[in-house]
Amino acid sequence: MGVKAVSLGVVGIILPILPTTPFLLLATIMFSKSSDRLNYKFQNSKLYKKYLEDFIGKRTMTKKRKWTLLIGVDLILLVSLITLVNPYLRTILVILFLVKHWYFYNYVKTSD
């Protein structure tokens, strides 16, 4: 599962619609729970150091990375919101949208 998450994260680097950071965070979780060797290799990779090291260590992101992530996920949520008919699921998506923005504005610091 961790390898799939890394693969989707790499695709997210190329395609601006697919967010990179959440998939790499998922890979970190998966590798840390499955194998110490894979976790060590992933945490010492260039991909981890470039996209996750500051976020995991200091809870900071660059302004560009933060906005790219927020807008990318917002677009995915918007498409889901438009295509869903169930009002309960739509409400959950709106709450998810609001909580995501609240979290990023209050807990993820912006670095230069």
N, C-alpha and C. Protein backbone atom coordinates (compact mmCIF):
# COMPACT_ATOMS: atom_id res chain seq x y z
N MET A 1 0.83 -1.20 0.00
CA MET A 1 0.00 0.00 0.00
C MET A 1 0.87 1.27 0.00
N GLY A 2 1.99 1.21 0.72
CA GLY A 2 2.89 2.36 0.77
C GLY A 2 3.49 2.68 -0.59
N VAL A 3 3.82 1.64 -1.34
CA VAL A 3 4.39 1.84 -2.68
C VAL A 3 3.35 2.49 -3.59
N LYS A 4 2.09 2.08 -3.47
CA LYS A 4 1.03 2.69 -4.28
C LYS A 4 0.87 4.17 -3.91
N ALA A 5 0.95 4.47 -2.62
CA ALA A 5 0.81 5.87 -2.19
C ALA A 5 1.97 6.71 -2.71
N VAL A 6 3.18 6.16 -2.69
CA VAL A 6 4.33 6.89 -3.25
C VAL A 6 4.13 7.10 -4.74
N SER A 7 3.64 6.07 -5.44
CA SER A 7 3.39 6.20 -6.88
C SER A 7 2.39 7.31 -7.18
N LEU A 8 1.30 7.36 -6.41
CA LEU A 8 0.32 8.43 -6.61
C LEU A 8 0.91 9.79 -6.26
N GLY A 9 1.78 9.84 -5.25
CA GLY A 9 2.45 11.09 -4.91
C GLY A 9 3.35 11.58 -6.02
N VAL A 10 4.06 10.65 -6.68
CA VAL A 10 4.93 11.02 -7.80
C VAL A 10 4.09 11.51 -8.98
N VAL A 11 2.97 10.86 -9.23
CA VAL A 11 2.07 11.32 -10.29
C VAL A 11 1.55 12.72 -9.95
N GLY A 12 1.32 12.97 -8.66
CA GLY A 12 0.86 14.29 -8.22
C GLY A 12 1.88 15.39 -8.46
N ILE A 13 3.16 15.04 -8.51
CA ILE A 13 4.19 16.03 -8.83
C ILE A 13 4.01 16.49 -10.27
N ILE A 14 3.66 15.56 -11.14
CA ILE A 14 3.52 15.86 -12.57
C ILE A 14 2.16 16.49 -12.88
N LEU A 15 1.10 15.93 -12.30
CA LEU A 15 -0.26 16.44 -12.55
C LEU A 15 -0.68 17.37 -11.41
N PRO A 16 -0.94 18.63 -11.70
CA PRO A 16 -1.28 19.57 -10.63
C PRO A 16 -2.64 19.30 -9.97
N ILE A 17 -3.49 18.50 -10.59
CA ILE A 17 -4.81 18.22 -10.02
C ILE A 17 -4.69 17.25 -8.85
N LEU A 18 -3.73 16.35 -8.91
CA LEU A 18 -3.56 15.33 -7.88
C LEU A 18 -2.57 15.84 -6.82
N PRO A 19 -3.00 15.98 -5.57
CA PRO A 19 -2.10 16.51 -4.54
C PRO A 19 -1.03 15.49 -4.15
N THR A 20 0.19 15.94 -4.00
CA THR A 20 1.33 15.07 -3.69
C THR A 20 1.42 14.76 -2.20
N THR A 21 1.35 15.78 -1.38
CA THR A 21 1.63 15.64 0.05
C THR A 21 0.75 14.61 0.77
N PRO A 22 -0.57 14.59 0.56
CA PRO A 22 -1.36 13.58 1.30
C PRO A 22 -0.97 12.15 0.97
N PHE A 23 -0.63 11.89 -0.29
CA PHE A 23 -0.23 10.53 -0.65
C PHE A 23 1.11 10.17 -0.04
N LEU A 24 2.02 11.12 0.03
CA LEU A 24 3.32 10.84 0.65
C LEU A 24 3.18 10.68 2.16
N LEU A 25 2.27 11.43 2.77
CA LEU A 25 2.00 11.23 4.21
C LEU A 25 1.41 9.85 4.45
N LEU A 26 0.52 9.42 3.59
CA LEU A 26 -0.05 8.07 3.68
C LEU A 26 1.06 7.03 3.55
N ALA A 27 1.99 7.24 2.62
CA ALA A 27 3.10 6.31 2.44
C ALA A 27 3.96 6.26 3.71
N THR A 28 4.19 7.41 4.34
CA THR A 28 4.96 7.44 5.57
C THR A 28 4.29 6.60 6.65
N ILE A 29 2.99 6.76 6.79
CA ILE A 29 2.24 5.98 7.79
C ILE A 29 2.33 4.49 7.48
N MET A 30 2.11 4.15 6.21
CA MET A 30 2.13 2.74 5.81
C MET A 30 3.51 2.12 6.04
N PHE A 31 4.56 2.81 5.63
CA PHE A 31 5.91 2.27 5.79
C PHE A 31 6.29 2.16 7.27
N SER A 32 5.88 3.13 8.08
CA SER A 32 6.25 3.09 9.50
C SER A 32 5.56 1.93 10.22
N LYS A 33 4.40 1.54 9.75
CA LYS A 33 3.68 0.43 10.38
C LYS A 33 4.09 -0.93 9.83
N SER A 34 4.65 -0.96 8.62
CA SER A 34 4.91 -2.25 8.00
C SER A 34 6.35 -2.72 8.12
N SER A 35 7.32 -1.85 7.84
CA SER A 35 8.70 -2.30 7.76
C SER A 35 9.65 -1.17 8.15
N ASP A 36 10.52 -1.47 9.10
CA ASP A 36 11.51 -0.47 9.51
C ASP A 36 12.47 -0.16 8.37
N ARG A 37 12.83 -1.18 7.59
CA ARG A 37 13.76 -0.99 6.47
C ARG A 37 13.16 -0.07 5.41
N LEU A 38 11.90 -0.32 5.01
CA LEU A 38 11.25 0.53 4.02
C LEU A 38 11.04 1.94 4.55
N ASN A 39 10.68 2.04 5.82
CA ASN A 39 10.48 3.35 6.43
C ASN A 39 11.80 4.15 6.42
N TYR A 40 12.90 3.50 6.77
CA TYR A 40 14.21 4.15 6.76
C TYR A 40 14.58 4.62 5.36
N LYS A 41 14.37 3.75 4.37
CA LYS A 41 14.70 4.11 2.98
C LYS A 41 13.84 5.29 2.51
N PHE A 42 12.56 5.24 2.82
CA PHE A 42 11.67 6.31 2.38
C PHE A 42 12.04 7.64 3.05
N GLN A 43 12.32 7.61 4.35
CA GLN A 43 12.65 8.85 5.05
C GLN A 43 14.00 9.43 4.64
N ASN A 44 14.83 8.65 4.01
CA ASN A 44 16.11 9.15 3.52
C ASN A 44 16.09 9.44 2.02
N SER A 45 14.93 9.34 1.40
CA SER A 45 14.83 9.60 -0.04
C SER A 45 14.70 11.10 -0.30
N LYS A 46 15.04 11.50 -1.51
CA LYS A 46 14.91 12.91 -1.91
C LYS A 46 13.45 13.35 -1.90
N LEU A 47 12.56 12.45 -2.28
CA LEU A 47 11.14 12.75 -2.32
C LEU A 47 10.63 13.14 -0.92
N TYR A 48 10.99 12.36 0.07
CA TYR A 48 10.58 12.65 1.45
C TYR A 48 11.18 13.97 1.93
N LYS A 49 12.46 14.16 1.69
CA LYS A 49 13.14 15.36 2.17
C LYS A 49 12.57 16.62 1.52
N LYS A 50 12.20 16.53 0.25
CA LYS A 50 11.70 17.71 -0.45
C LYS A 50 10.26 18.04 -0.06
N TYR A 51 9.40 17.04 0.08
CA TYR A 51 7.98 17.31 0.26
C TYR A 51 7.46 17.14 1.69
N LEU A 52 8.12 16.35 2.52
CA LEU A 52 7.53 16.05 3.83
C LEU A 52 8.37 16.42 5.04
N GLU A 53 9.65 16.50 4.91
CA GLU A 53 10.52 16.66 6.08
C GLU A 53 10.14 17.88 6.93
N ASP A 54 9.95 19.03 6.30
CA ASP A 54 9.57 20.24 7.06
C ASP A 54 8.18 20.10 7.68
N PHE A 55 7.26 19.50 6.95
CA PHE A 55 5.91 19.37 7.47
C PHE A 55 5.87 18.43 8.67
N ILE A 56 6.52 17.30 8.58
CA ILE A 56 6.49 16.34 9.68
C ILE A 56 7.32 16.84 10.86
N GLY A 57 8.47 17.43 10.59
CA GLY A 57 9.34 17.88 11.66
C GLY A 57 8.89 19.16 12.34
N LYS A 58 8.49 20.15 11.56
CA LYS A 58 8.19 21.49 12.11
C LYS A 58 6.77 21.95 11.89
N ARG A 59 5.95 21.15 11.22
CA ARG A 59 4.57 21.55 10.87
C ARG A 59 4.56 22.82 10.04
N THR A 60 5.49 22.93 9.08
CA THR A 60 5.53 24.09 8.20
C THR A 60 5.48 23.64 6.74
N MET A 61 4.98 24.54 5.89
CA MET A 61 4.95 24.35 4.45
C MET A 61 5.22 25.69 3.80
N THR A 62 5.76 25.65 2.60
CA THR A 62 5.91 26.90 1.86
C THR A 62 4.52 27.36 1.42
N LYS A 63 4.41 28.64 1.19
CA LYS A 63 3.12 29.19 0.78
C LYS A 63 2.63 28.53 -0.52
N LYS A 64 3.55 28.35 -1.47
CA LYS A 64 3.18 27.74 -2.75
C LYS A 64 2.68 26.31 -2.55
N ARG A 65 3.40 25.53 -1.76
CA ARG A 65 3.00 24.14 -1.54
C ARG A 65 1.67 24.07 -0.80
N LYS A 66 1.48 24.95 0.17
CA LYS A 66 0.23 24.97 0.93
C LYS A 66 -0.95 25.28 0.02
N TRP A 67 -0.83 26.32 -0.81
CA TRP A 67 -1.92 26.69 -1.70
C TRP A 67 -2.16 25.64 -2.77
N THR A 68 -1.09 25.04 -3.29
CA THR A 68 -1.26 23.98 -4.29
C THR A 68 -2.02 22.81 -3.70
N LEU A 69 -1.68 22.43 -2.49
CA LEU A 69 -2.37 21.34 -1.82
C LEU A 69 -3.83 21.68 -1.56
N LEU A 70 -4.07 22.86 -0.99
CA LEU A 70 -5.44 23.25 -0.67
C LEU A 70 -6.32 23.34 -1.91
N ILE A 71 -5.82 23.96 -2.96
CA ILE A 71 -6.61 24.12 -4.18
C ILE A 71 -6.84 22.78 -4.86
N GLY A 72 -5.80 21.94 -4.90
CA GLY A 72 -5.96 20.61 -5.51
C GLY A 72 -7.01 19.77 -4.82
N VAL A 73 -6.97 19.74 -3.50
CA VAL A 73 -7.96 18.97 -2.75
C VAL A 73 -9.34 19.62 -2.86
N ASP A 74 -9.39 20.96 -2.88
CA ASP A 74 -10.67 21.65 -3.05
C ASP A 74 -11.32 21.29 -4.39
N LEU A 75 -10.53 21.19 -5.44
CA LEU A 75 -11.09 20.81 -6.74
C LEU A 75 -11.66 19.40 -6.71
N ILE A 76 -10.95 18.50 -6.07
CA ILE A 76 -11.45 17.12 -5.96
C ILE A 76 -12.75 17.09 -5.14
N LEU A 77 -12.78 17.84 -4.03
CA LEU A 77 -14.00 17.90 -3.22
C LEU A 77 -15.14 18.56 -3.98
N LEU A 78 -14.84 19.57 -4.77
CA LEU A 78 -15.87 20.25 -5.54
C LEU A 78 -16.49 19.32 -6.58
N VAL A 79 -15.67 18.56 -7.27
CA VAL A 79 -16.18 17.60 -8.25
C VAL A 79 -17.07 16.57 -7.54
N SER A 80 -16.63 16.09 -6.39
CA SER A 80 -17.44 15.14 -5.63
C SER A 80 -18.74 15.77 -5.17
N LEU A 81 -18.67 17.02 -4.74
CA LEU A 81 -19.87 17.72 -4.27
C LEU A 81 -20.89 17.89 -5.40
N ILE A 82 -20.40 18.19 -6.59
CA ILE A 82 -21.29 18.38 -7.74
C ILE A 82 -21.93 17.07 -8.18
N THR A 83 -21.15 15.99 -8.14
CA THR A 83 -21.67 14.71 -8.66
C THR A 83 -22.53 13.95 -7.66
N LEU A 84 -22.38 14.22 -6.38
CA LEU A 84 -23.18 13.51 -5.39
C LEU A 84 -24.59 14.08 -5.30
N VAL A 85 -25.53 13.19 -5.05
CA VAL A 85 -26.93 13.60 -4.91
C VAL A 85 -27.37 13.55 -3.45
N ASN A 86 -26.79 12.65 -2.69
CA ASN A 86 -27.15 12.44 -1.30
C ASN A 86 -26.80 13.68 -0.47
N PRO A 87 -27.81 14.30 0.17
CA PRO A 87 -27.54 15.52 0.94
C PRO A 87 -26.65 15.29 2.16
N TYR A 88 -26.70 14.10 2.75
CA TYR A 88 -25.85 13.81 3.91
C TYR A 88 -24.38 13.75 3.49
N LEU A 89 -24.10 13.10 2.38
CA LEU A 89 -22.73 13.04 1.89
C LEU A 89 -22.22 14.42 1.47
N ARG A 90 -23.10 15.21 0.88
CA ARG A 90 -22.71 16.57 0.50
C ARG A 90 -22.38 17.41 1.74
N THR A 91 -23.15 17.23 2.80
CA THR A 91 -22.90 17.94 4.05
C THR A 91 -21.55 17.52 4.64
N ILE A 92 -21.26 16.24 4.59
CA ILE A 92 -19.98 15.74 5.08
C ILE A 92 -18.82 16.34 4.28
N LEU A 93 -18.98 16.46 2.97
CA LEU A 93 -17.94 17.06 2.14
C LEU A 93 -17.72 18.54 2.47
N VAL A 94 -18.79 19.25 2.72
CA VAL A 94 -18.66 20.67 3.08
C VAL A 94 -17.96 20.80 4.44
N ILE A 95 -18.32 19.94 5.38
CA ILE A 95 -17.66 19.95 6.69
C ILE A 95 -16.18 19.61 6.53
N LEU A 96 -15.87 18.63 5.70
CA LEU A 96 -14.48 18.26 5.43
C LEU A 96 -13.70 19.43 4.84
N PHE A 97 -14.32 20.13 3.91
CA PHE A 97 -13.70 21.31 3.30
C PHE A 97 -13.38 22.36 4.37
N LEU A 98 -14.34 22.65 5.23
CA LEU A 98 -14.15 23.67 6.26
C LEU A 98 -13.09 23.26 7.29
N VAL A 99 -13.12 22.01 7.72
CA VAL A 99 -12.15 21.52 8.70
C VAL A 99 -10.75 21.54 8.11
N LYS A 100 -10.62 21.16 6.85
CA LYS A 100 -9.32 21.15 6.19
C LYS A 100 -8.72 22.55 6.17
N HIS A 101 -9.50 23.54 5.77
CA HIS A 101 -9.00 24.92 5.74
C HIS A 101 -8.71 25.44 7.14
N TRP A 102 -9.58 25.14 8.09
CA TRP A 102 -9.35 25.56 9.47
C TRP A 102 -8.04 24.99 9.99
N TYR A 103 -7.79 23.70 9.74
CA TYR A 103 -6.56 23.06 10.20
C TYR A 103 -5.33 23.71 9.57
N PHE A 104 -5.35 23.91 8.27
CA PHE A 104 -4.19 24.48 7.59
C PHE A 104 -3.92 25.92 8.01
N TYR A 105 -4.96 26.69 8.25
CA TYR A 105 -4.75 28.08 8.66
C TYR A 105 -4.30 28.18 10.12
N ASN A 106 -4.72 27.24 10.96
CA ASN A 106 -4.40 27.33 12.38
C ASN A 106 -3.20 26.50 12.83
N TYR A 107 -2.90 25.42 12.16
CA TYR A 107 -1.86 24.50 12.66
C TYR A 107 -0.68 24.27 11.75
N VAL A 108 -0.78 24.62 10.50
CA VAL A 108 0.36 24.46 9.57
C VAL A 108 0.94 25.84 9.31
N LYS A 109 2.13 26.07 9.83
CA LYS A 109 2.77 27.37 9.64
C LYS A 109 3.29 27.52 8.22
N THR A 110 3.33 28.75 7.76
CA THR A 110 3.86 29.03 6.42
C THR A 110 5.31 29.47 6.54
N SER A 111 6.17 28.78 5.79
CA SER A 111 7.59 29.14 5.78
C SER A 111 7.95 29.78 4.44
N ASP A 112 9.12 30.38 4.39
CA ASP A 112 9.56 31.03 3.15
C ASP A 112 10.25 30.07 2.22
